[in-house]
Amino acid sequence: MNYSIIRYILCRVLEFQAVFLALPCLTAVFYREKEGFAYLAVLAVCLILGEVGKLKRPRSTVFYAREGFVAVSLSWILLSVTGVLPLFLSGEFPSYTDALFETISGLTTTGASILSDVEALSKCNLFWRSFTHWIGGMGVLVLILAVLPLAGGYNMYLMRAESPGPTVGKLVPRVKHTARMLYKMYFILTVIQIVLLLITGMSPFESMTHSFGTAGTGGFGVLNTSIGEYSIASQAVITIFMILFGINFNVYYLLWVRKPLQAFRHEEMRYYLGIILAAILLITINIRGGFASLLEAFHHAAFQVASIITTTGFSTVDFNLWPEFSKFILVLLMFVGACAGSTGGGIKVSRIIIMLKLVKSELSYLIHPKRVRQVHFEQRVVSKEVLRSISVFFIAYAVIFGLSVLLIALDNLGFTTNFTAVAATLNNIGPGLDQVGPASNFSVFSQPAKYVLMFDMLAGRLELFPLLLLFTPSTWKRS
């Protein structure tokens, strides 16, 4: 284990955290809020610790998968324990645990909240909550790779540890250029949404915070009713951009380099859009009687389907009141999630499709045991290593999910509440059903249960294994 390079990366993370904290400081200055002093103090501490810790250069820049996983996991924990401080010091959160829950929920783009009155927060705290979504959406290590060289050819291990999906590839030959391209597309889409929301009538503050939440597929709002009080046009813009941010960014790169035919042949995107369309139509038919017109039912069905499958978590209505058929479809979408290589959470469409194809292949094997079978995805043969990693992912996912539901069941809340709370946090969605529905929050859980759910949020964002490796003794042995 190369501890010196991990220390160096963590110091870089602290420096970037200081830069991130400057934005809520400016927000506090603009709105003349005293809570900005808490952000300024934490900013100064992060900057000093980062600079001091960076003085001793790493003995070696050799960097392998183990260091990559550990560096990414510790970076997210460090961002959480420093990002919580201004929220807690502001005095607007009832306890450190609740402030930490809110921070981890923001950074992991979950959007689950313990607040019953969001509008009581200061503007700088509201801005920071939403901006953490944007930070966590593409990943802070990807941002660092885009700006600073870390470990030469070894830094692909960082991107693989932080980026969602069964496989991570480079858009261009160099990892640094890949990271820059990803953030360039991420930034451009965010700016376009901000402009469109301004046109639909949102204020600059609301446009930015909701665009941060949409881009990172997080879902923190600035009103207690989430998106429900905004115009139909604003809701439509958010619906479209939630779907766009749930698409694999490789598709946008193909469009960027003028290869539209390859982009539209993207298999995962076609399945993703097909699932969305089917879910919208089924729910629209099911909830038609609860709305004034078919068009209104379609609008709210489209918004909630987009919000849940992309794991954003915004809401326009309390879908906890919808018929059981519609709620069950939404629960299924919680597990499916968005595309690999997007900012969305969940299991990912690609994993689901590959596993279904593997089941089909196994059924074929039972009938024709001597026939050579290969699983194809995106016009390529899926390697045995990828099939193995997906199978292991599903096993680990099921174990963590089951243990989490078991542990929070000690609070003696209802099964629907417990089950969907874990589904909402492990898949980085936000709202669940029953007592954690869109009109409620996660304050009903005890402090121990909240820590279980915080672990789930981090594990879900990092796709399980980087965080699990921290608890593996062999990870820490020196090579």
Protein backbone atom coordinates (compact mmCIF):
# COMPACT_ATOMS: atom_id res chain seq x y z
CA MET A 1 0.00 0.00 0.00
CA ASN A 2 1.42 3.37 -1.06
CA TYR A 3 0.24 5.49 1.88
CA SER A 4 2.14 8.58 0.77
CA ILE A 5 0.23 8.96 -2.51
CA ILE A 6 -3.08 8.45 -0.70
CA ARG A 7 -2.12 11.22 1.77
CA TYR A 8 -1.21 13.47 -1.15
CA ILE A 9 -4.56 12.86 -2.88
CA LEU A 10 -6.49 13.55 0.33
CA CYS A 11 -4.64 16.84 0.71
CA ARG A 12 -5.65 17.73 -2.83
CA VAL A 13 -9.24 16.88 -1.95
CA LEU A 14 -9.09 19.30 1.00
CA GLU A 15 -7.86 22.05 -1.32
CA PHE A 16 -10.75 21.42 -3.69
CA GLN A 17 -13.17 21.38 -0.76
CA ALA A 18 -11.91 24.85 0.16
CA VAL A 19 -12.69 26.03 -3.38
CA PHE A 20 -16.17 24.46 -3.22
CA LEU A 21 -16.89 26.20 0.11
CA ALA A 22 -16.08 29.58 -1.43
CA LEU A 23 -19.37 29.54 -3.36
CA PRO A 24 -21.71 29.36 -0.33
CA CYS A 25 -19.47 32.04 1.24
CA LEU A 26 -20.23 34.32 -1.71
CA THR A 27 -23.91 33.40 -1.43
CA ALA A 28 -23.87 34.46 2.24
CA VAL A 29 -22.22 37.76 1.31
CA PHE A 30 -24.83 38.41 -1.38
CA TYR A 31 -27.74 37.71 0.98
CA ARG A 32 -25.96 39.22 4.04
CA GLU A 33 -26.21 36.07 6.15
CA LYS A 34 -24.08 35.49 9.24
CA GLU A 35 -24.01 31.73 8.53
CA GLY A 36 -21.36 32.50 5.93
CA PHE A 37 -18.73 32.84 8.68
CA ALA A 38 -19.03 29.10 9.35
CA TYR A 39 -18.22 28.38 5.70
CA LEU A 40 -15.30 30.81 5.77
CA ALA A 41 -13.83 29.18 8.89
CA VAL A 42 -14.09 25.64 7.46
CA LEU A 43 -12.69 26.88 4.14
CA ALA A 44 -9.62 28.26 5.91
CA VAL A 45 -9.05 25.04 7.88
CA CYS A 46 -9.36 22.87 4.74
CA LEU A 47 -6.95 25.10 2.83
CA ILE A 48 -4.35 25.14 5.60
CA LEU A 49 -4.51 21.38 6.21
CA GLY A 50 -4.32 20.69 2.49
CA GLU A 51 -1.30 22.94 1.95
CA VAL A 52 0.58 21.70 5.02
CA GLY A 53 -0.09 18.03 4.28
CA LYS A 54 1.07 18.51 0.70
CA LEU A 55 4.50 19.87 1.68
CA LYS A 56 5.94 16.36 1.96
CA ARG A 57 5.87 14.93 -1.54
CA PRO A 58 4.94 11.25 -2.03
CA ARG A 59 7.89 8.88 -2.03
CA SER A 60 6.46 7.08 -5.05
CA THR A 61 3.74 7.86 -7.58
CA VAL A 62 3.17 4.18 -8.39
CA PHE A 63 -0.55 3.72 -8.13
CA TYR A 64 -2.61 0.53 -8.41
CA ALA A 65 -6.21 -0.56 -7.98
CA ARG A 66 -5.94 -0.98 -4.21
CA GLU A 67 -4.71 2.58 -3.71
CA GLY A 68 -7.34 3.82 -6.14
CA PHE A 69 -10.23 2.26 -4.23
CA VAL A 70 -8.91 3.39 -0.85
CA ALA A 71 -8.19 6.93 -2.04
CA VAL A 72 -11.66 7.32 -3.52
CA SER A 73 -13.45 5.94 -0.44
CA LEU A 74 -11.43 8.07 1.99
CA SER A 75 -11.90 11.12 -0.23
CA TRP A 76 -15.68 10.81 -0.04
CA ILE A 77 -15.56 10.32 3.72
CA LEU A 78 -13.26 13.34 4.05
CA LEU A 79 -15.58 15.47 1.91
CA SER A 80 -18.48 14.41 4.14
CA VAL A 81 -16.83 15.13 7.50
CA THR A 82 -15.59 18.54 6.34
CA GLY A 83 -18.70 19.45 4.37
CA VAL A 84 -20.92 18.84 7.39
CA LEU A 85 -19.12 21.38 9.59
CA PRO A 86 -20.63 24.61 8.20
CA LEU A 87 -24.13 23.12 8.32
CA PHE A 88 -23.65 22.05 11.94
CA LEU A 89 -21.90 25.27 13.01
CA SER A 90 -24.69 27.36 11.48
CA GLY A 91 -27.02 26.05 14.19
CA GLU A 92 -29.79 25.28 11.69
CA PHE A 93 -29.63 21.51 12.17
CA PRO A 94 -30.86 19.76 15.33
CA SER A 95 -27.77 17.55 15.75
CA TYR A 96 -24.41 16.65 14.22
CA THR A 97 -25.83 13.30 13.07
CA ASP A 98 -28.65 15.02 11.20
CA ALA A 99 -26.25 17.51 9.59
CA LEU A 100 -23.96 14.63 8.57
CA PHE A 101 -26.92 12.71 7.14
CA GLU A 102 -27.86 15.77 5.05
CA THR A 103 -24.28 16.26 3.84
CA ILE A 104 -23.73 12.64 2.83
CA SER A 105 -27.14 12.63 1.18
CA GLY A 106 -26.10 15.68 -0.82
CA LEU A 107 -22.64 14.47 -1.87
CA THR A 108 -23.87 11.01 -2.82
CA THR A 109 -26.69 12.68 -4.81
CA THR A 110 -29.29 10.81 -2.76
CA GLY A 111 -31.48 13.74 -1.75
CA ALA A 112 -32.93 12.08 1.37
CA SER A 113 -33.50 14.73 4.01
CA ILE A 114 -34.16 14.90 7.74
CA LEU A 115 -35.64 18.41 7.47
CA SER A 116 -39.35 19.05 7.80
CA ASP A 117 -39.02 22.76 6.97
CA VAL A 118 -36.46 23.29 4.21
CA GLU A 119 -37.52 26.90 3.70
CA ALA A 120 -36.31 27.82 7.20
CA LEU A 121 -32.68 27.36 6.13
CA SER A 122 -30.48 30.28 5.17
CA LYS A 123 -29.75 30.80 1.48
CA CYS A 124 -26.09 29.81 1.84
CA ASN A 125 -27.07 26.48 3.44
CA LEU A 126 -29.67 25.86 0.75
CA PHE A 127 -27.05 26.62 -1.90
CA TRP A 128 -24.49 24.29 -0.28
CA ARG A 129 -27.01 21.43 -0.03
CA SER A 130 -27.75 21.65 -3.75
CA PHE A 131 -24.17 22.33 -4.81
CA THR A 132 -23.01 19.13 -3.08
CA HIS A 133 -25.19 17.30 -5.61
CA TRP A 134 -23.28 18.87 -8.47
CA ILE A 135 -19.94 18.03 -6.82
CA GLY A 136 -20.93 14.41 -6.24
CA GLY A 137 -22.69 13.89 -9.55
CA MET A 138 -19.62 13.50 -11.74
CA GLY A 139 -17.26 12.83 -8.84
CA VAL A 140 -14.64 14.96 -7.15
CA LEU A 141 -11.75 12.68 -8.13
CA VAL A 142 -12.79 12.97 -11.78
CA LEU A 143 -12.65 16.75 -11.34
CA ILE A 144 -9.19 16.54 -9.77
CA LEU A 145 -8.01 14.37 -12.67
CA ALA A 146 -9.37 16.96 -15.08
CA VAL A 147 -7.37 19.75 -13.46
CA LEU A 148 -4.27 18.19 -11.93
CA PRO A 149 -1.99 15.31 -12.94
CA LEU A 150 -1.78 12.84 -10.08
CA ALA A 151 -0.06 9.62 -10.93
CA GLY A 152 0.66 9.45 -14.61
CA GLY A 153 -0.75 6.38 -16.32
CA TYR A 154 -1.98 4.93 -13.05
CA ASN A 155 -4.79 7.45 -12.50
CA MET A 156 -7.30 5.36 -14.47
CA TYR A 157 -7.69 3.40 -11.21
CA LEU A 158 -9.20 6.49 -9.59
CA MET A 159 -11.73 6.95 -12.38
CA ARG A 160 -12.70 3.29 -12.29
CA ALA A 161 -13.23 3.42 -8.53
CA GLU A 162 -15.44 6.52 -8.68
CA SER A 163 -17.35 6.22 -11.96
CA PRO A 164 -20.62 4.25 -12.03
CA GLY A 165 -21.15 1.17 -14.15
CA PRO A 166 -19.84 -2.35 -14.74
CA THR A 167 -16.96 -1.03 -16.90
CA VAL A 168 -15.31 2.35 -17.34
CA GLY A 169 -13.52 3.27 -20.55
CA LYS A 170 -11.63 6.28 -21.79
CA LEU A 171 -13.34 8.60 -24.28
CA VAL A 172 -9.95 9.81 -25.49
CA PRO A 173 -6.50 8.19 -25.12
CA ARG A 174 -5.43 10.11 -21.99
CA VAL A 175 -7.36 9.83 -18.72
CA LYS A 176 -6.85 13.52 -17.96
CA HIS A 177 -8.42 14.49 -21.28
CA THR A 178 -11.28 12.05 -20.65
CA ALA A 179 -11.97 13.68 -17.29
CA ARG A 180 -11.89 17.13 -18.85
CA MET A 181 -14.27 16.06 -21.61
CA LEU A 182 -16.72 14.60 -19.07
CA TYR A 183 -16.75 17.77 -16.98
CA LYS A 184 -17.01 19.98 -20.05
CA MET A 185 -20.19 18.17 -21.16
CA TYR A 186 -21.48 18.13 -17.57
CA PHE A 187 -20.92 21.88 -17.22
CA ILE A 188 -22.48 22.75 -20.58
CA LEU A 189 -25.66 20.73 -19.89
CA THR A 190 -25.95 22.37 -16.45
CA VAL A 191 -25.63 25.89 -17.89
CA ILE A 192 -28.23 25.15 -20.58
CA GLN A 193 -30.69 23.99 -17.92
CA ILE A 194 -30.05 27.08 -15.78
CA VAL A 195 -30.84 29.32 -18.75
CA LEU A 196 -34.01 27.41 -19.64
CA LEU A 197 -35.27 27.51 -16.04
CA LEU A 198 -34.66 31.26 -15.97
CA ILE A 199 -36.79 31.57 -19.11
CA THR A 200 -39.62 29.57 -17.48
CA GLY A 201 -39.79 32.02 -14.57
CA MET A 202 -37.49 30.69 -11.85
CA SER A 203 -35.23 33.13 -10.02
CA PRO A 204 -31.45 32.88 -10.59
CA PHE A 205 -31.01 31.24 -7.18
CA GLU A 206 -33.76 28.69 -7.83
CA SER A 207 -32.50 28.01 -11.35
CA MET A 208 -28.99 27.25 -10.12
CA THR A 209 -29.97 25.11 -7.12
CA HIS A 210 -32.46 23.04 -9.09
CA SER A 211 -30.04 22.62 -11.98
CA PHE A 212 -27.36 21.43 -9.55
CA GLY A 213 -29.86 18.92 -8.18
CA THR A 214 -30.89 17.75 -11.64
CA ALA A 215 -27.35 17.52 -13.03
CA GLY A 216 -26.15 15.47 -10.08
CA THR A 217 -29.47 13.57 -10.00
CA GLY A 218 -29.75 14.52 -6.34
CA GLY A 219 -33.11 16.13 -5.67
CA PHE A 220 -32.66 18.61 -2.83
CA GLY A 221 -35.18 21.42 -3.31
CA VAL A 222 -35.46 24.88 -1.78
CA LEU A 223 -39.19 24.60 -1.07
CA ASN A 224 -41.02 22.19 1.20
CA THR A 225 -43.13 21.08 -1.77
CA SER A 226 -40.05 20.22 -3.86
CA ILE A 227 -40.98 21.17 -7.47
CA GLY A 228 -44.76 21.15 -6.96
CA GLU A 229 -45.20 24.95 -6.75
CA TYR A 230 -43.32 25.77 -9.95
CA SER A 231 -44.86 26.20 -13.39
CA ILE A 232 -45.62 23.34 -15.75
CA ALA A 233 -42.91 24.67 -18.05
CA SER A 234 -40.28 24.53 -15.27
CA GLN A 235 -41.35 21.01 -14.36
CA ALA A 236 -41.15 19.96 -18.01
CA VAL A 237 -37.60 21.33 -18.33
CA ILE A 238 -36.53 19.45 -15.21
CA THR A 239 -38.19 16.25 -16.50
CA ILE A 240 -36.24 16.42 -19.76
CA PHE A 241 -32.91 17.17 -18.11
CA MET A 242 -33.34 14.44 -15.49
CA ILE A 243 -33.65 11.98 -18.36
CA LEU A 244 -30.69 13.55 -20.18
CA PHE A 245 -28.41 13.33 -17.16
CA GLY A 246 -29.38 9.68 -16.75
CA ILE A 247 -27.90 8.81 -20.16
CA ASN A 248 -24.38 7.45 -20.50
CA PHE A 249 -22.07 10.39 -21.25
CA ASN A 250 -20.41 8.30 -23.96
CA VAL A 251 -23.52 9.06 -26.05
CA TYR A 252 -22.89 12.80 -25.72
CA TYR A 253 -19.26 12.31 -26.62
CA LEU A 254 -20.27 10.50 -29.81
CA LEU A 255 -22.59 13.38 -30.67
CA TRP A 256 -19.79 15.82 -29.81
CA VAL A 257 -17.43 14.19 -32.32
CA ARG A 258 -20.24 14.01 -34.90
CA LYS A 259 -20.96 10.32 -34.84
CA PRO A 260 -24.76 10.41 -34.42
CA LEU A 261 -25.38 6.96 -35.88
CA GLN A 262 -23.14 5.34 -33.27
CA ALA A 263 -24.80 7.41 -30.55
CA PHE A 264 -28.32 6.33 -31.49
CA ARG A 265 -27.23 2.69 -31.75
CA HIS A 266 -26.22 2.78 -28.09
CA GLU A 267 -28.00 -0.29 -26.72
CA GLU A 268 -28.22 0.74 -23.07
CA MET A 269 -29.71 4.12 -23.98
CA ARG A 270 -32.41 2.49 -26.10
CA TYR A 271 -33.39 0.13 -23.28
CA TYR A 272 -33.30 3.03 -20.80
CA LEU A 273 -35.62 5.19 -22.90
CA GLY A 274 -37.88 2.20 -23.59
CA ILE A 275 -38.26 1.47 -19.88
CA ILE A 276 -39.09 5.12 -19.22
CA LEU A 277 -41.73 5.25 -21.96
CA ALA A 278 -43.37 1.99 -20.87
CA ALA A 279 -43.47 3.07 -17.20
CA ILE A 280 -44.94 6.48 -18.08
CA LEU A 281 -47.73 4.97 -20.17
CA LEU A 282 -48.65 2.34 -17.56
CA ILE A 283 -48.72 4.84 -14.69
CA THR A 284 -50.62 7.43 -16.73
CA ILE A 285 -53.40 4.93 -17.40
CA ASN A 286 -53.43 3.85 -13.75
CA ILE A 287 -53.61 7.36 -12.21
CA ARG A 288 -55.86 8.93 -14.85
CA GLY A 289 -58.84 9.13 -12.49
CA GLY A 290 -56.95 11.23 -9.96
CA PHE A 291 -56.30 14.18 -12.31
CA ALA A 292 -58.42 16.61 -14.28
CA SER A 293 -57.16 15.46 -17.66
CA LEU A 294 -55.14 12.73 -19.34
CA LEU A 295 -52.45 15.28 -20.21
CA GLU A 296 -52.04 16.28 -16.56
CA ALA A 297 -51.78 12.63 -15.52
CA PHE A 298 -49.17 12.07 -18.24
CA HIS A 299 -47.19 15.11 -17.10
CA HIS A 300 -46.95 13.99 -13.46
CA ALA A 301 -46.32 10.36 -14.43
CA ALA A 302 -43.47 11.45 -16.72
CA PHE A 303 -41.94 13.64 -14.02
CA GLN A 304 -42.02 10.96 -11.33
CA VAL A 305 -40.78 8.19 -13.61
CA ALA A 306 -37.88 10.39 -14.75
CA SER A 307 -37.16 11.39 -11.16
CA ILE A 308 -37.12 7.84 -9.80
CA ILE A 309 -35.29 5.97 -12.59
CA THR A 310 -32.57 8.62 -12.71
CA THR A 311 -32.49 8.54 -8.87
CA THR A 312 -33.01 12.31 -8.71
CA GLY A 313 -35.83 12.36 -6.17
CA PHE A 314 -37.68 15.56 -7.07
CA SER A 315 -41.46 15.39 -6.86
CA THR A 316 -44.42 17.38 -8.14
CA VAL A 317 -47.08 15.42 -6.23
CA ASP A 318 -47.19 12.99 -3.31
CA PHE A 319 -46.91 9.73 -5.26
CA ASN A 320 -47.27 7.90 -1.93
CA LEU A 321 -51.02 8.44 -2.49
CA TRP A 322 -51.05 6.82 -5.92
CA PRO A 323 -52.55 3.34 -6.55
CA GLU A 324 -50.47 0.33 -5.54
CA PHE A 325 -49.79 -0.61 -9.17
CA SER A 326 -48.12 2.74 -9.88
CA LYS A 327 -46.17 2.71 -6.62
CA PHE A 328 -44.86 -0.78 -7.37
CA ILE A 329 -43.61 0.36 -10.79
CA LEU A 330 -41.78 3.24 -9.10
CA VAL A 331 -40.20 0.85 -6.60
CA LEU A 332 -38.98 -1.34 -9.47
CA LEU A 333 -37.50 1.73 -11.15
CA MET A 334 -35.63 2.51 -7.91
CA PHE A 335 -33.62 -0.67 -8.40
CA VAL A 336 -33.15 -0.34 -12.17
CA GLY A 337 -31.59 3.11 -11.99
CA ALA A 338 -30.05 5.08 -14.83
CA CYS A 339 -27.36 4.22 -17.37
CA ALA A 340 -23.77 3.36 -16.55
CA GLY A 341 -21.50 6.34 -17.10
CA SER A 342 -24.24 8.80 -16.12
CA THR A 343 -24.70 10.77 -12.92
CA GLY A 344 -27.58 8.52 -11.85
CA GLY A 345 -27.56 5.77 -9.23
CA GLY A 346 -29.25 2.41 -8.91
CA ILE A 347 -28.10 -0.97 -10.19
CA LYS A 348 -27.84 0.47 -13.74
CA VAL A 349 -29.71 -0.53 -16.88
CA SER A 350 -26.61 -2.18 -18.40
CA ARG A 351 -26.22 -4.59 -15.47
CA ILE A 352 -29.91 -5.51 -15.60
CA ILE A 353 -29.81 -6.18 -19.36
CA ILE A 354 -26.59 -8.18 -19.21
CA MET A 355 -27.92 -10.34 -16.38
CA LEU A 356 -31.16 -11.00 -18.29
CA LYS A 357 -29.12 -11.99 -21.33
CA LEU A 358 -27.05 -14.27 -19.11
CA VAL A 359 -30.24 -15.95 -17.88
CA LYS A 360 -31.37 -16.42 -21.48
CA SER A 361 -27.98 -17.91 -22.32
CA GLU A 362 -28.24 -20.33 -19.39
CA LEU A 363 -31.71 -21.46 -20.49
CA SER A 364 -30.29 -22.10 -23.96
CA TYR A 365 -27.48 -24.12 -22.40
CA LEU A 366 -29.98 -26.42 -20.67
CA ILE A 367 -31.53 -27.26 -24.05
CA HIS A 368 -28.34 -27.28 -26.16
CA PRO A 369 -25.41 -27.98 -23.80
CA LYS A 370 -22.84 -28.35 -26.62
CA ARG A 371 -23.62 -25.05 -28.34
CA VAL A 372 -21.11 -22.21 -27.83
CA ARG A 373 -22.87 -19.26 -26.24
CA GLN A 374 -21.66 -15.69 -25.74
CA VAL A 375 -23.41 -12.73 -24.18
CA HIS A 376 -23.34 -9.65 -26.42
CA PHE A 377 -23.90 -6.07 -25.32
CA GLU A 378 -23.25 -2.84 -27.24
CA GLN A 379 -22.16 -4.85 -30.30
CA ARG A 380 -19.39 -6.54 -28.30
CA VAL A 381 -18.92 -9.82 -26.48
CA VAL A 382 -19.19 -9.38 -22.73
CA SER A 383 -16.02 -10.77 -21.16
CA LYS A 384 -16.07 -13.36 -18.41
CA GLU A 385 -14.46 -10.82 -16.07
CA VAL A 386 -17.35 -8.40 -16.54
CA LEU A 387 -19.93 -11.17 -16.09
CA ARG A 388 -18.16 -12.25 -12.91
CA SER A 389 -18.01 -8.70 -11.54
CA ILE A 390 -21.71 -8.14 -12.25
CA SER A 391 -22.66 -11.42 -10.54
CA VAL A 392 -20.56 -10.55 -7.49
CA PHE A 393 -22.07 -7.05 -7.46
CA PHE A 394 -25.60 -8.49 -7.27
CA ILE A 395 -24.59 -10.81 -4.41
CA ALA A 396 -22.97 -7.99 -2.43
CA TYR A 397 -25.91 -5.71 -3.19
CA ALA A 398 -28.43 -8.27 -1.90
CA VAL A 399 -26.43 -8.91 1.29
CA ILE A 400 -26.03 -5.20 2.10
CA PHE A 401 -29.68 -4.53 1.30
CA GLY A 402 -30.94 -7.38 3.51
CA LEU A 403 -28.67 -6.50 6.45
CA SER A 404 -29.61 -2.84 6.23
CA VAL A 405 -33.34 -3.57 6.32
CA LEU A 406 -32.75 -5.92 9.25
CA LEU A 407 -30.76 -3.33 11.23
CA ILE A 408 -33.13 -0.40 10.78
CA ALA A 409 -36.06 -2.71 11.58
CA LEU A 410 -34.93 -2.36 15.20
CA ASP A 411 -36.68 1.04 15.13
CA ASN A 412 -39.94 -0.91 14.78
CA LEU A 413 -41.27 1.10 11.85
CA GLY A 414 -43.37 -0.44 9.09
CA PHE A 415 -41.92 -2.83 6.51
CA THR A 416 -42.75 -0.52 3.59
CA THR A 417 -40.97 2.34 5.34
CA ASN A 418 -37.87 0.24 6.10
CA PHE A 419 -37.70 -1.48 2.71
CA THR A 420 -38.09 1.68 0.63
CA ALA A 421 -35.81 3.69 2.95
CA VAL A 422 -32.97 1.27 2.19
CA ALA A 423 -33.91 1.17 -1.49
CA ALA A 424 -33.94 4.97 -1.60
CA THR A 425 -30.54 5.34 0.11
CA LEU A 426 -28.63 2.39 -1.37
CA ASN A 427 -29.81 3.42 -4.85
CA ASN A 428 -29.23 7.14 -4.10
CA ILE A 429 -32.83 8.15 -4.85
CA GLY A 430 -34.12 10.20 -1.91
CA PRO A 431 -37.80 9.64 -1.16
CA GLY A 432 -39.30 6.24 -0.47
CA LEU A 433 -42.84 5.32 0.51
CA ASP A 434 -45.01 5.43 3.62
CA GLN A 435 -43.21 7.37 6.40
CA VAL A 436 -40.30 8.31 4.10
CA GLY A 437 -42.50 9.33 1.16
CA PRO A 438 -42.06 12.56 -0.83
CA ALA A 439 -44.20 14.51 1.65
CA SER A 440 -42.22 13.16 4.63
CA ASN A 441 -38.55 12.86 5.61
CA PHE A 442 -36.05 10.54 7.31
CA SER A 443 -36.19 12.18 10.75
CA VAL A 444 -38.37 9.28 11.98
CA PHE A 445 -35.31 7.02 12.25
CA SER A 446 -33.09 6.76 15.32
CA GLN A 447 -29.44 7.85 15.21
CA PRO A 448 -28.08 4.28 14.79
CA ALA A 449 -30.50 3.69 11.89
CA LYS A 450 -29.40 6.95 10.27
CA TYR A 451 -25.77 5.78 10.33
CA VAL A 452 -26.81 2.55 8.62
CA LEU A 453 -28.55 4.60 5.93
CA MET A 454 -25.52 6.90 5.62
CA PHE A 455 -23.36 3.86 4.97
CA ASP A 456 -25.86 2.74 2.33
CA MET A 457 -25.70 6.13 0.61
CA LEU A 458 -21.90 6.05 0.41
CA ALA A 459 -21.85 2.38 -0.64
CA GLY A 460 -24.45 3.01 -3.33
CA ARG A 461 -22.64 6.03 -4.79
CA LEU A 462 -19.29 4.18 -4.87
CA GLU A 463 -20.92 1.00 -6.18
CA LEU A 464 -20.21 -1.04 -3.03
CA PHE A 465 -16.69 -2.37 -3.44
CA PRO A 466 -14.49 0.70 -2.83
CA LEU A 467 -16.19 1.21 0.54
CA LEU A 468 -16.24 -2.50 1.43
CA LEU A 469 -12.48 -2.72 0.82
CA LEU A 470 -11.90 -0.35 3.73
CA PHE A 471 -13.13 -3.14 6.02
CA THR A 472 -10.89 -5.79 4.44
CA PRO A 473 -7.67 -6.33 6.49
CA SER A 474 -5.56 -7.31 3.45
CA THR A 475 -6.26 -3.89 1.91
CA TRP A 476 -4.01 -2.21 4.46
CA LYS A 477 -1.01 -4.54 4.23
CA ARG A 478 2.16 -3.07 2.81
CA SER A 479 3.25 -4.56 -0.49
